[in-house]
Amino acid sequence: MARAGLSPDAVVDIALRIIDEEGTAAVTLSAVAARAGVATPSLYKHVRNLAELNDLVTVRVMDELADRLREALLGRSGDQALRALMDAYRAYVVANPGRYAAMIQTAPPEGSARAKAGETLVEILLAALRGYGLEGADAIHAVRCLRAAAHGFAVLESADGFGLPVGLDDTYDLLIHMITAGLPKPPPSQGSTS
């Protein structure tokens, strides 16, 4: 019989607590079961295996990140939206380095929950870039560049990868400027006079 209150969401909650406290390598089915107060085989009623648990953790982290990014974009467009999005991305990774490291970065199977969560993140990034008039492949290229820049900087920062005594905020501001300067500027809105 399953322990009362144990569910796939509760199992993910426990795995995330382990990640936050001990890192991603500490997440095993036996560690999660011990925290849940059940025998390891009891977890199989809620997750098939460690791979499925890792997928569920990834979806949760993607959802958390999406919520932060969506909130950062509210009421903003153009360079202001892009700056807010990149700041929110960096803040999430630095505040949650273990969770972010636990997020599977490879392309997910089509139609999976992980694919849907990834599509949501891409849609948010596309929304941030909408003011630049990018479409199709150009928009996808820009999303990839944006993700690579924010991801790379935040991962390096959270791993203490920047050792020189120069302000990281200034460096990140420069990175954001480089990204925004490299994007096309949208045409003036109709009705404006030059």
N, C-alpha and C. Protein backbone atom coordinates (compact mmCIF):
# COMPACT_ATOMS: atom_id res chain seq x y z
N MET A 1 0.84 -1.18 0.00
CA MET A 1 0.00 0.00 0.00
C MET A 1 0.89 1.24 0.00
N ALA A 2 0.54 2.20 -0.82
CA ALA A 2 1.32 3.43 -0.91
C ALA A 2 1.10 4.30 0.30
N ARG A 3 2.14 5.00 0.71
CA ARG A 3 2.03 5.92 1.83
C ARG A 3 1.05 7.03 1.49
N ALA A 4 0.20 7.39 2.44
CA ALA A 4 -0.79 8.44 2.22
C ALA A 4 -0.07 9.73 1.84
N GLY A 5 -0.56 10.41 0.81
CA GLY A 5 0.03 11.68 0.40
C GLY A 5 1.14 11.54 -0.61
N LEU A 6 1.59 10.33 -0.86
CA LEU A 6 2.65 10.15 -1.84
C LEU A 6 2.02 10.08 -3.23
N SER A 7 2.58 10.86 -4.15
CA SER A 7 2.09 10.95 -5.51
C SER A 7 3.29 11.28 -6.39
N PRO A 8 3.13 11.26 -7.71
CA PRO A 8 4.26 11.67 -8.54
C PRO A 8 4.75 13.09 -8.20
N ASP A 9 3.83 14.02 -7.94
CA ASP A 9 4.24 15.38 -7.57
C ASP A 9 5.00 15.40 -6.25
N ALA A 10 4.54 14.61 -5.29
CA ALA A 10 5.22 14.55 -3.99
C ALA A 10 6.62 13.94 -4.15
N VAL A 11 6.75 12.95 -5.01
CA VAL A 11 8.05 12.34 -5.26
C VAL A 11 9.00 13.37 -5.88
N VAL A 12 8.49 14.18 -6.80
CA VAL A 12 9.30 15.24 -7.40
C VAL A 12 9.69 16.27 -6.35
N ASP A 13 8.74 16.63 -5.47
CA ASP A 13 9.06 17.56 -4.38
C ASP A 13 10.23 17.06 -3.55
N ILE A 14 10.20 15.78 -3.22
CA ILE A 14 11.27 15.19 -2.41
C ILE A 14 12.59 15.21 -3.19
N ALA A 15 12.53 14.83 -4.46
CA ALA A 15 13.75 14.84 -5.28
C ALA A 15 14.34 16.26 -5.35
N LEU A 16 13.48 17.27 -5.49
CA LEU A 16 13.97 18.65 -5.55
C LEU A 16 14.59 19.09 -4.23
N ARG A 17 14.03 18.64 -3.12
CA ARG A 17 14.64 18.97 -1.82
C ARG A 17 16.04 18.35 -1.73
N ILE A 18 16.17 17.10 -2.19
CA ILE A 18 17.48 16.45 -2.18
C ILE A 18 18.45 17.23 -3.06
N ILE A 19 17.99 17.62 -4.26
CA ILE A 19 18.84 18.39 -5.18
C ILE A 19 19.28 19.69 -4.53
N ASP A 20 18.33 20.40 -3.91
CA ASP A 20 18.65 21.69 -3.28
C ASP A 20 19.66 21.53 -2.14
N GLU A 21 19.55 20.44 -1.40
CA GLU A 21 20.41 20.23 -0.22
C GLU A 21 21.72 19.54 -0.54
N GLU A 22 21.70 18.58 -1.49
CA GLU A 22 22.87 17.72 -1.68
C GLU A 22 23.39 17.67 -3.12
N GLY A 23 22.65 18.21 -4.07
CA GLY A 23 23.06 18.18 -5.46
C GLY A 23 22.39 17.06 -6.24
N THR A 24 22.55 17.14 -7.55
CA THR A 24 21.85 16.21 -8.43
C THR A 24 22.32 14.77 -8.28
N ALA A 25 23.59 14.57 -7.99
CA ALA A 25 24.12 13.21 -7.88
C ALA A 25 23.50 12.45 -6.71
N ALA A 26 22.96 13.15 -5.74
CA ALA A 26 22.38 12.50 -4.56
C ALA A 26 20.98 11.95 -4.82
N VAL A 27 20.40 12.28 -5.96
CA VAL A 27 19.04 11.81 -6.25
C VAL A 27 19.10 10.40 -6.81
N THR A 28 18.68 9.48 -5.97
CA THR A 28 18.51 8.08 -6.36
C THR A 28 17.13 7.66 -5.88
N LEU A 29 16.63 6.59 -6.43
CA LEU A 29 15.32 6.13 -5.97
C LEU A 29 15.37 5.73 -4.50
N SER A 30 16.47 5.14 -4.06
CA SER A 30 16.56 4.75 -2.65
C SER A 30 16.62 5.98 -1.74
N ALA A 31 17.30 7.04 -2.17
CA ALA A 31 17.35 8.27 -1.37
C ALA A 31 15.98 8.92 -1.29
N VAL A 32 15.27 8.96 -2.40
CA VAL A 32 13.92 9.53 -2.41
C VAL A 32 12.99 8.70 -1.54
N ALA A 33 13.09 7.37 -1.66
CA ALA A 33 12.24 6.49 -0.85
C ALA A 33 12.52 6.68 0.64
N ALA A 34 13.79 6.79 1.00
CA ALA A 34 14.14 6.99 2.41
C ALA A 34 13.54 8.28 2.93
N ARG A 35 13.62 9.36 2.16
CA ARG A 35 13.03 10.63 2.58
C ARG A 35 11.51 10.54 2.67
N ALA A 36 10.93 9.72 1.80
CA ALA A 36 9.47 9.57 1.80
C ALA A 36 8.99 8.63 2.90
N GLY A 37 9.93 7.90 3.48
CA GLY A 37 9.56 6.95 4.53
C GLY A 37 8.92 5.68 3.99
N VAL A 38 9.32 5.29 2.77
CA VAL A 38 8.78 4.07 2.17
C VAL A 38 9.94 3.23 1.65
N ALA A 39 9.64 1.98 1.34
CA ALA A 39 10.63 1.12 0.71
C ALA A 39 10.75 1.53 -0.76
N THR A 40 11.94 1.35 -1.32
CA THR A 40 12.18 1.76 -2.70
C THR A 40 11.14 1.19 -3.68
N PRO A 41 10.76 -0.09 -3.57
CA PRO A 41 9.75 -0.60 -4.51
C PRO A 41 8.41 0.15 -4.45
N SER A 42 8.13 0.79 -3.34
CA SER A 42 6.88 1.56 -3.23
C SER A 42 6.86 2.76 -4.16
N LEU A 43 8.04 3.27 -4.53
CA LEU A 43 8.09 4.41 -5.44
C LEU A 43 7.61 4.05 -6.84
N TYR A 44 7.72 2.77 -7.20
CA TYR A 44 7.33 2.36 -8.55
C TYR A 44 5.84 2.51 -8.80
N LYS A 45 5.08 2.77 -7.77
CA LYS A 45 3.65 3.06 -7.94
C LYS A 45 3.47 4.50 -8.43
N HIS A 46 4.52 5.31 -8.31
CA HIS A 46 4.43 6.73 -8.63
C HIS A 46 5.35 7.14 -9.78
N VAL A 47 6.50 6.50 -9.91
CA VAL A 47 7.41 6.73 -11.03
C VAL A 47 7.96 5.37 -11.48
N ARG A 48 8.11 5.20 -12.78
CA ARG A 48 8.56 3.91 -13.31
C ARG A 48 10.01 3.61 -12.96
N ASN A 49 10.85 4.66 -12.99
CA ASN A 49 12.29 4.46 -12.77
C ASN A 49 12.94 5.83 -12.57
N LEU A 50 14.24 5.82 -12.39
CA LEU A 50 14.97 7.07 -12.17
C LEU A 50 14.90 7.98 -13.40
N ALA A 51 14.90 7.39 -14.59
CA ALA A 51 14.81 8.21 -15.81
C ALA A 51 13.49 8.98 -15.84
N GLU A 52 12.40 8.34 -15.46
CA GLU A 52 11.12 9.05 -15.44
C GLU A 52 11.13 10.13 -14.36
N LEU A 53 11.73 9.84 -13.22
CA LEU A 53 11.83 10.86 -12.17
C LEU A 53 12.64 12.05 -12.67
N ASN A 54 13.73 11.81 -13.37
CA ASN A 54 14.54 12.89 -13.92
C ASN A 54 13.74 13.72 -14.92
N ASP A 55 12.91 13.06 -15.72
CA ASP A 55 12.04 13.78 -16.66
C ASP A 55 11.04 14.65 -15.91
N LEU A 56 10.44 14.11 -14.86
CA LEU A 56 9.47 14.87 -14.06
C LEU A 56 10.13 16.07 -13.38
N VAL A 57 11.34 15.87 -12.88
CA VAL A 57 12.09 16.97 -12.27
C VAL A 57 12.37 18.04 -13.33
N THR A 58 12.76 17.62 -14.51
CA THR A 58 13.05 18.56 -15.60
C THR A 58 11.81 19.38 -15.95
N VAL A 59 10.67 18.73 -16.06
CA VAL A 59 9.43 19.45 -16.37
C VAL A 59 9.12 20.47 -15.29
N ARG A 60 9.29 20.09 -14.04
CA ARG A 60 9.02 21.02 -12.93
C ARG A 60 9.96 22.23 -13.00
N VAL A 61 11.25 21.99 -13.24
CA VAL A 61 12.21 23.08 -13.32
C VAL A 61 11.89 23.98 -14.51
N MET A 62 11.56 23.39 -15.65
CA MET A 62 11.19 24.19 -16.82
C MET A 62 9.96 25.03 -16.52
N ASP A 63 9.00 24.45 -15.83
CA ASP A 63 7.78 25.20 -15.47
C ASP A 63 8.10 26.37 -14.53
N GLU A 64 8.99 26.12 -13.55
CA GLU A 64 9.40 27.20 -12.65
C GLU A 64 10.09 28.32 -13.41
N LEU A 65 11.01 27.93 -14.29
CA LEU A 65 11.74 28.92 -15.08
C LEU A 65 10.77 29.69 -15.98
N ALA A 66 9.85 28.98 -16.61
CA ALA A 66 8.86 29.64 -17.48
C ALA A 66 8.03 30.64 -16.70
N ASP A 67 7.62 30.28 -15.50
CA ASP A 67 6.84 31.21 -14.68
C ASP A 67 7.63 32.49 -14.40
N ARG A 68 8.92 32.35 -14.06
CA ARG A 68 9.76 33.51 -13.78
C ARG A 68 9.93 34.39 -15.02
N LEU A 69 10.16 33.74 -16.16
CA LEU A 69 10.38 34.49 -17.39
C LEU A 69 9.10 35.19 -17.84
N ARG A 70 7.99 34.50 -17.75
CA ARG A 70 6.71 35.08 -18.13
C ARG A 70 6.41 36.31 -17.28
N GLU A 71 6.65 36.19 -15.99
CA GLU A 71 6.42 37.31 -15.07
C GLU A 71 7.33 38.49 -15.41
N ALA A 72 8.56 38.22 -15.77
CA ALA A 72 9.51 39.28 -16.10
C ALA A 72 9.10 40.04 -17.36
N LEU A 73 8.42 39.38 -18.27
CA LEU A 73 8.03 40.01 -19.54
C LEU A 73 6.78 40.87 -19.44
N LEU A 74 6.00 40.69 -18.40
CA LEU A 74 4.73 41.41 -18.30
C LEU A 74 4.91 42.91 -18.49
N GLY A 75 4.18 43.46 -19.46
CA GLY A 75 4.20 44.91 -19.70
C GLY A 75 5.45 45.45 -20.35
N ARG A 76 6.31 44.56 -20.84
CA ARG A 76 7.56 45.02 -21.44
C ARG A 76 7.65 44.57 -22.90
N SER A 77 8.42 45.30 -23.67
CA SER A 77 8.68 44.91 -25.06
C SER A 77 10.06 45.40 -25.47
N GLY A 78 10.52 44.90 -26.60
CA GLY A 78 11.80 45.32 -27.15
C GLY A 78 12.97 45.07 -26.21
N ASP A 79 13.91 46.01 -26.19
CA ASP A 79 15.11 45.85 -25.37
C ASP A 79 14.77 45.68 -23.89
N GLN A 80 13.74 46.38 -23.43
CA GLN A 80 13.34 46.27 -22.02
C GLN A 80 12.88 44.85 -21.69
N ALA A 81 12.12 44.23 -22.59
CA ALA A 81 11.66 42.86 -22.39
C ALA A 81 12.83 41.89 -22.39
N LEU A 82 13.72 42.08 -23.34
CA LEU A 82 14.87 41.18 -23.44
C LEU A 82 15.75 41.27 -22.21
N ARG A 83 15.98 42.48 -21.73
CA ARG A 83 16.78 42.67 -20.52
C ARG A 83 16.10 42.00 -19.33
N ALA A 84 14.81 42.21 -19.17
CA ALA A 84 14.07 41.60 -18.05
C ALA A 84 14.13 40.09 -18.13
N LEU A 85 13.97 39.54 -19.33
CA LEU A 85 14.01 38.09 -19.50
C LEU A 85 15.39 37.54 -19.15
N MET A 86 16.44 38.18 -19.65
CA MET A 86 17.79 37.69 -19.37
C MET A 86 18.14 37.83 -17.89
N ASP A 87 17.69 38.91 -17.26
CA ASP A 87 17.91 39.06 -15.82
C ASP A 87 17.18 37.97 -15.03
N ALA A 88 15.94 37.67 -15.43
CA ALA A 88 15.17 36.64 -14.72
C ALA A 88 15.79 35.26 -14.92
N TYR A 89 16.27 34.99 -16.12
CA TYR A 89 16.91 33.71 -16.41
C TYR A 89 18.13 33.53 -15.50
N ARG A 90 18.97 34.54 -15.50
CA ARG A 90 20.19 34.50 -14.67
C ARG A 90 19.83 34.34 -13.19
N ALA A 91 18.87 35.11 -12.71
CA ALA A 91 18.49 35.05 -11.30
C ALA A 91 18.00 33.66 -10.92
N TYR A 92 17.22 33.03 -11.79
CA TYR A 92 16.72 31.69 -11.48
C TYR A 92 17.88 30.70 -11.37
N VAL A 93 18.78 30.72 -12.33
CA VAL A 93 19.89 29.76 -12.33
C VAL A 93 20.79 29.97 -11.12
N VAL A 94 21.12 31.22 -10.81
CA VAL A 94 22.01 31.49 -9.68
C VAL A 94 21.35 31.12 -8.36
N ALA A 95 20.05 31.34 -8.25
CA ALA A 95 19.33 31.01 -7.01
C ALA A 95 19.07 29.51 -6.89
N ASN A 96 19.04 28.80 -8.01
CA ASN A 96 18.69 27.37 -8.01
C ASN A 96 19.68 26.56 -8.85
N PRO A 97 20.97 26.63 -8.53
CA PRO A 97 21.94 25.96 -9.40
C PRO A 97 21.75 24.45 -9.49
N GLY A 98 21.39 23.82 -8.40
CA GLY A 98 21.18 22.37 -8.44
C GLY A 98 19.99 22.00 -9.29
N ARG A 99 18.89 22.71 -9.11
CA ARG A 99 17.69 22.42 -9.91
C ARG A 99 17.99 22.64 -11.39
N TYR A 100 18.65 23.74 -11.70
CA TYR A 100 18.94 24.02 -13.11
C TYR A 100 19.87 22.95 -13.68
N ALA A 101 20.85 22.53 -12.91
CA ALA A 101 21.77 21.48 -13.37
C ALA A 101 21.04 20.16 -13.57
N ALA A 102 19.96 19.94 -12.82
CA ALA A 102 19.19 18.70 -12.96
C ALA A 102 18.32 18.70 -14.20
N MET A 103 18.11 19.87 -14.79
CA MET A 103 17.25 19.96 -15.97
C MET A 103 17.94 19.31 -17.16
N ILE A 104 17.29 18.32 -17.74
CA ILE A 104 17.84 17.64 -18.91
C ILE A 104 17.86 18.64 -20.06
N GLN A 105 19.02 18.80 -20.69
CA GLN A 105 19.19 19.82 -21.73
C GLN A 105 19.05 19.26 -23.15
N THR A 106 18.97 17.95 -23.29
CA THR A 106 18.86 17.36 -24.62
C THR A 106 17.43 17.47 -25.14
N ALA A 107 17.30 17.38 -26.46
CA ALA A 107 15.97 17.45 -27.08
C ALA A 107 15.10 16.30 -26.57
N PRO A 108 13.88 16.61 -26.17
CA PRO A 108 13.00 15.57 -25.61
C PRO A 108 12.27 14.79 -26.69
N PRO A 109 11.73 13.64 -26.31
CA PRO A 109 10.89 12.89 -27.26
C PRO A 109 9.66 13.72 -27.64
N GLU A 110 9.31 13.68 -28.91
CA GLU A 110 8.16 14.45 -29.40
C GLU A 110 6.89 14.05 -28.66
N GLY A 111 6.12 15.06 -28.26
CA GLY A 111 4.84 14.80 -27.59
C GLY A 111 4.94 14.54 -26.11
N SER A 112 6.15 14.49 -25.56
CA SER A 112 6.32 14.22 -24.13
C SER A 112 6.03 15.47 -23.31
N ALA A 113 5.84 15.28 -22.02
CA ALA A 113 5.63 16.42 -21.12
C ALA A 113 6.84 17.35 -21.15
N ARG A 114 8.01 16.77 -21.27
CA ARG A 114 9.23 17.58 -21.36
C ARG A 114 9.24 18.41 -22.64
N ALA A 115 8.76 17.83 -23.74
CA ALA A 115 8.68 18.57 -25.00
C ALA A 115 7.71 19.73 -24.86
N LYS A 116 6.58 19.50 -24.21
CA LYS A 116 5.59 20.56 -24.03
C LYS A 116 6.15 21.69 -23.15
N ALA A 117 6.86 21.32 -22.09
CA ALA A 117 7.47 22.34 -21.21
C ALA A 117 8.52 23.13 -21.98
N GLY A 118 9.30 22.44 -22.82
CA GLY A 118 10.30 23.10 -23.64
C GLY A 118 9.67 24.05 -24.65
N GLU A 119 8.55 23.62 -25.24
CA GLU A 119 7.83 24.48 -26.19
C GLU A 119 7.34 25.75 -25.50
N THR A 120 6.90 25.62 -24.26
CA THR A 120 6.46 26.80 -23.51
C THR A 120 7.62 27.77 -23.32
N LEU A 121 8.78 27.25 -22.96
CA LEU A 121 9.96 28.13 -22.80
C LEU A 121 10.31 28.82 -24.11
N VAL A 122 10.28 28.08 -25.21
CA VAL A 122 10.60 28.67 -26.51
C VAL A 122 9.58 29.75 -26.86
N GLU A 123 8.31 29.50 -26.59
CA GLU A 123 7.27 30.50 -26.86
C GLU A 123 7.50 31.78 -26.06
N ILE A 124 7.96 31.64 -24.83
CA ILE A 124 8.25 32.83 -24.01
C ILE A 124 9.43 33.60 -24.59
N LEU A 125 10.47 32.88 -25.01
CA LEU A 125 11.63 33.54 -25.62
C LEU A 125 11.22 34.21 -26.94
N LEU A 126 10.39 33.55 -27.71
CA LEU A 126 9.90 34.15 -28.95
C LEU A 126 9.10 35.42 -28.66
N ALA A 127 8.31 35.38 -27.60
CA ALA A 127 7.52 36.57 -27.22
C ALA A 127 8.44 37.73 -26.87
N ALA A 128 9.54 37.43 -26.20
CA ALA A 128 10.49 38.49 -25.85
C ALA A 128 11.13 39.10 -27.08
N LEU A 129 11.24 38.31 -28.13
CA LEU A 129 11.89 38.77 -29.37
C LEU A 129 10.90 39.33 -30.38
N ARG A 130 9.62 39.24 -30.09
CA ARG A 130 8.59 39.64 -31.05
C ARG A 130 8.76 41.09 -31.51
N GLY A 131 9.15 41.95 -30.62
CA GLY A 131 9.30 43.37 -30.96
C GLY A 131 10.40 43.65 -31.97
N TYR A 132 11.22 42.64 -32.26
CA TYR A 132 12.31 42.84 -33.21
C TYR A 132 11.91 42.44 -34.63
N GLY A 133 10.67 42.00 -34.81
CA GLY A 133 10.17 41.65 -36.13
C GLY A 133 10.76 40.39 -36.73
N LEU A 134 11.30 39.52 -35.89
CA LEU A 134 11.90 38.29 -36.38
C LEU A 134 10.81 37.22 -36.60
N GLU A 135 10.97 36.46 -37.67
CA GLU A 135 10.02 35.40 -37.97
C GLU A 135 10.76 34.17 -38.45
N GLY A 136 10.08 33.02 -38.38
CA GLY A 136 10.62 31.78 -38.93
C GLY A 136 11.99 31.42 -38.39
N ALA A 137 12.87 31.03 -39.32
CA ALA A 137 14.21 30.59 -38.93
C ALA A 137 14.99 31.70 -38.23
N ASP A 138 14.79 32.94 -38.63
CA ASP A 138 15.50 34.05 -37.97
C ASP A 138 15.14 34.13 -36.49
N ALA A 139 13.88 33.91 -36.17
CA ALA A 139 13.44 33.94 -34.77
C ALA A 139 14.04 32.77 -34.00
N ILE A 140 14.09 31.60 -34.61
CA ILE A 140 14.67 30.43 -33.93
C ILE A 140 16.16 30.64 -33.69
N HIS A 141 16.86 31.18 -34.68
CA HIS A 141 18.30 31.47 -34.49
C HIS A 141 18.49 32.43 -33.31
N ALA A 142 17.66 33.45 -33.24
CA ALA A 142 17.76 34.43 -32.16
C ALA A 142 17.45 33.79 -30.80
N VAL A 143 16.45 32.91 -30.75
CA VAL A 143 16.12 32.21 -29.50
C VAL A 143 17.31 31.38 -29.05
N ARG A 144 17.92 30.67 -29.98
CA ARG A 144 19.09 29.84 -29.63
C ARG A 144 20.23 30.69 -29.08
N CYS A 145 20.49 31.82 -29.73
CA CYS A 145 21.56 32.71 -29.27
C CYS A 145 21.25 33.27 -27.89
N LEU A 146 20.01 33.69 -27.70
CA LEU A 146 19.58 34.23 -26.41
C LEU A 146 19.73 33.19 -25.31
N ARG A 147 19.25 31.99 -25.57
CA ARG A 147 19.36 30.91 -24.58
C ARG A 147 20.82 30.58 -24.29
N ALA A 148 21.63 30.48 -25.33
CA ALA A 148 23.05 30.15 -25.13
C ALA A 148 23.74 31.20 -24.28
N ALA A 149 23.44 32.46 -24.54
CA ALA A 149 24.08 33.55 -23.79
C ALA A 149 23.65 33.53 -22.32
N ALA A 150 22.35 33.49 -22.07
CA ALA A 150 21.86 33.52 -20.69
C ALA A 150 22.28 32.26 -19.94
N HIS A 151 22.12 31.11 -20.58
CA HIS A 151 22.49 29.83 -19.96
C HIS A 151 23.98 29.80 -19.63
N GLY A 152 24.79 30.11 -20.62
CA GLY A 152 26.24 30.02 -20.42
C GLY A 152 26.74 30.92 -19.31
N PHE A 153 26.29 32.17 -19.31
CA PHE A 153 26.74 33.09 -18.28
C PHE A 153 26.29 32.63 -16.91
N ALA A 154 25.01 32.27 -16.79
CA ALA A 154 24.46 31.90 -15.48
C ALA A 154 25.08 30.61 -14.94
N VAL A 155 25.33 29.65 -15.81
CA VAL A 155 25.96 28.40 -15.37
C VAL A 155 27.39 28.67 -14.90
N LEU A 156 28.12 29.47 -15.66
CA LEU A 156 29.48 29.82 -15.23
C LEU A 156 29.47 30.57 -13.90
N GLU A 157 28.54 31.51 -13.78
CA GLU A 157 28.45 32.28 -12.54
C GLU A 157 28.11 31.39 -11.35
N SER A 158 27.13 30.51 -11.52
CA SER A 158 26.71 29.66 -10.39
C SER A 158 27.80 28.66 -10.00
N ALA A 159 28.70 28.37 -10.91
CA ALA A 159 29.82 27.46 -10.63
C ALA A 159 31.08 28.21 -10.21
N ASP A 160 30.94 29.52 -9.92
CA ASP A 160 32.08 30.35 -9.58
C ASP A 160 33.15 30.31 -10.67
N GLY A 161 32.69 30.36 -11.91
CA GLY A 161 33.59 30.27 -13.05
C GLY A 161 34.22 31.58 -13.46
N PHE A 162 33.83 32.67 -12.83
CA PHE A 162 34.42 33.97 -13.14
C PHE A 162 35.27 34.40 -11.95
N GLY A 163 36.58 34.32 -12.10
CA GLY A 163 37.45 34.58 -10.97
C GLY A 163 38.08 35.97 -10.95
N LEU A 164 38.01 36.69 -12.04
CA LEU A 164 38.66 38.00 -12.08
C LEU A 164 37.86 39.02 -11.27
N PRO A 165 38.55 39.95 -10.62
CA PRO A 165 37.87 40.91 -9.73
C PRO A 165 37.22 42.08 -10.48
N VAL A 166 36.32 41.75 -11.38
CA VAL A 166 35.57 42.77 -12.12
C VAL A 166 34.10 42.41 -11.94
N GLY A 167 33.25 43.43 -11.76
CA GLY A 167 31.84 43.20 -11.44
C GLY A 167 31.09 42.36 -12.45
N LEU A 168 30.46 41.29 -11.97
CA LEU A 168 29.69 40.41 -12.85
C LEU A 168 28.46 41.10 -13.42
N ASP A 169 27.84 41.97 -12.64
CA ASP A 169 26.67 42.67 -13.15
C ASP A 169 27.03 43.53 -14.36
N ASP A 170 28.20 44.17 -14.30
CA ASP A 170 28.65 44.98 -15.43
C ASP A 170 28.89 44.10 -16.65
N THR A 171 29.48 42.93 -16.43
CA THR A 171 29.72 42.01 -17.54
C THR A 171 28.40 41.54 -18.14
N TYR A 172 27.44 41.22 -17.28
CA TYR A 172 26.14 40.75 -17.78
C TYR A 172 25.41 41.87 -18.54
N ASP A 173 25.53 43.09 -18.04
CA ASP A 173 24.95 44.23 -18.76
C ASP A 173 25.56 44.34 -20.16
N LEU A 174 26.87 44.13 -20.26
CA LEU A 174 27.54 44.17 -21.56
C LEU A 174 27.01 43.05 -22.46
N LEU A 175 26.84 41.86 -21.90
CA LEU A 175 26.32 40.74 -22.67
C LEU A 175 24.92 41.06 -23.21
N ILE A 176 24.07 41.60 -22.35
CA ILE A 176 22.72 41.98 -22.79
C ILE A 176 22.80 43.03 -23.90
N HIS A 177 23.67 44.01 -23.72
CA HIS A 177 23.84 45.04 -24.75
C HIS A 177 24.30 44.41 -26.07
N MET A 178 25.23 43.48 -26.00
CA MET A 178 25.72 42.83 -27.21
C MET A 178 24.60 42.06 -27.91
N ILE A 179 23.76 41.40 -27.13
CA ILE A 179 22.63 40.66 -27.70
C ILE A 179 21.66 41.64 -28.35
N THR A 180 21.25 42.66 -27.62
CA THR A 180 20.25 43.58 -28.17
C THR A 180 20.81 44.36 -29.36
N ALA A 181 22.08 44.71 -29.31
CA ALA A 181 22.69 45.45 -30.42
C ALA A 181 22.76 44.59 -31.68
N GLY A 182 22.84 43.28 -31.50
CA GLY A 182 22.93 42.38 -32.64
C GLY A 182 21.60 42.03 -33.27
N LEU A 183 20.52 42.46 -32.66
CA LEU A 183 19.19 42.17 -33.20
C LEU A 183 18.73 43.32 -34.09
N PRO A 184 17.93 42.98 -35.11
CA PRO A 184 17.42 44.07 -35.96
C PRO A 184 16.48 44.96 -35.17
N LYS A 185 16.51 46.22 -35.47
CA LYS A 185 15.58 47.15 -34.82
C LYS A 185 14.29 47.16 -35.61
N PRO A 186 13.15 47.11 -34.91
CA PRO A 186 11.88 47.06 -35.64
C PRO A 186 11.64 48.38 -36.37
N PRO A 187 10.87 48.31 -37.47
CA PRO A 187 10.57 49.55 -38.18
C PRO A 187 9.71 50.45 -37.31
N PRO A 188 9.76 51.75 -37.54
CA PRO A 188 8.92 52.67 -36.75
C PRO A 188 7.44 52.29 -36.92
N SER A 189 6.68 52.49 -35.87
CA SER A 189 5.26 52.14 -35.95
C SER A 189 4.55 53.07 -36.92
N GLN A 190 3.45 52.56 -37.47
CA GLN A 190 2.67 53.38 -38.40
C GLN A 190 2.19 54.64 -37.70
N GLY A 191 2.13 55.69 -38.43
CA GLY A 191 1.64 56.94 -37.86
C GLY A 191 2.73 57.81 -37.28
N SER A 192 3.94 57.26 -37.14
CA SER A 192 5.01 58.10 -36.61
C SER A 192 5.57 58.95 -37.73
N THR A 193 6.05 60.10 -37.38
CA THR A 193 6.61 61.00 -38.40
C THR A 193 8.10 61.12 -38.17
N SER A 194 8.81 61.22 -39.24
CA SER A 194 10.27 61.34 -39.14
C SER A 194 10.70 62.76 -39.36
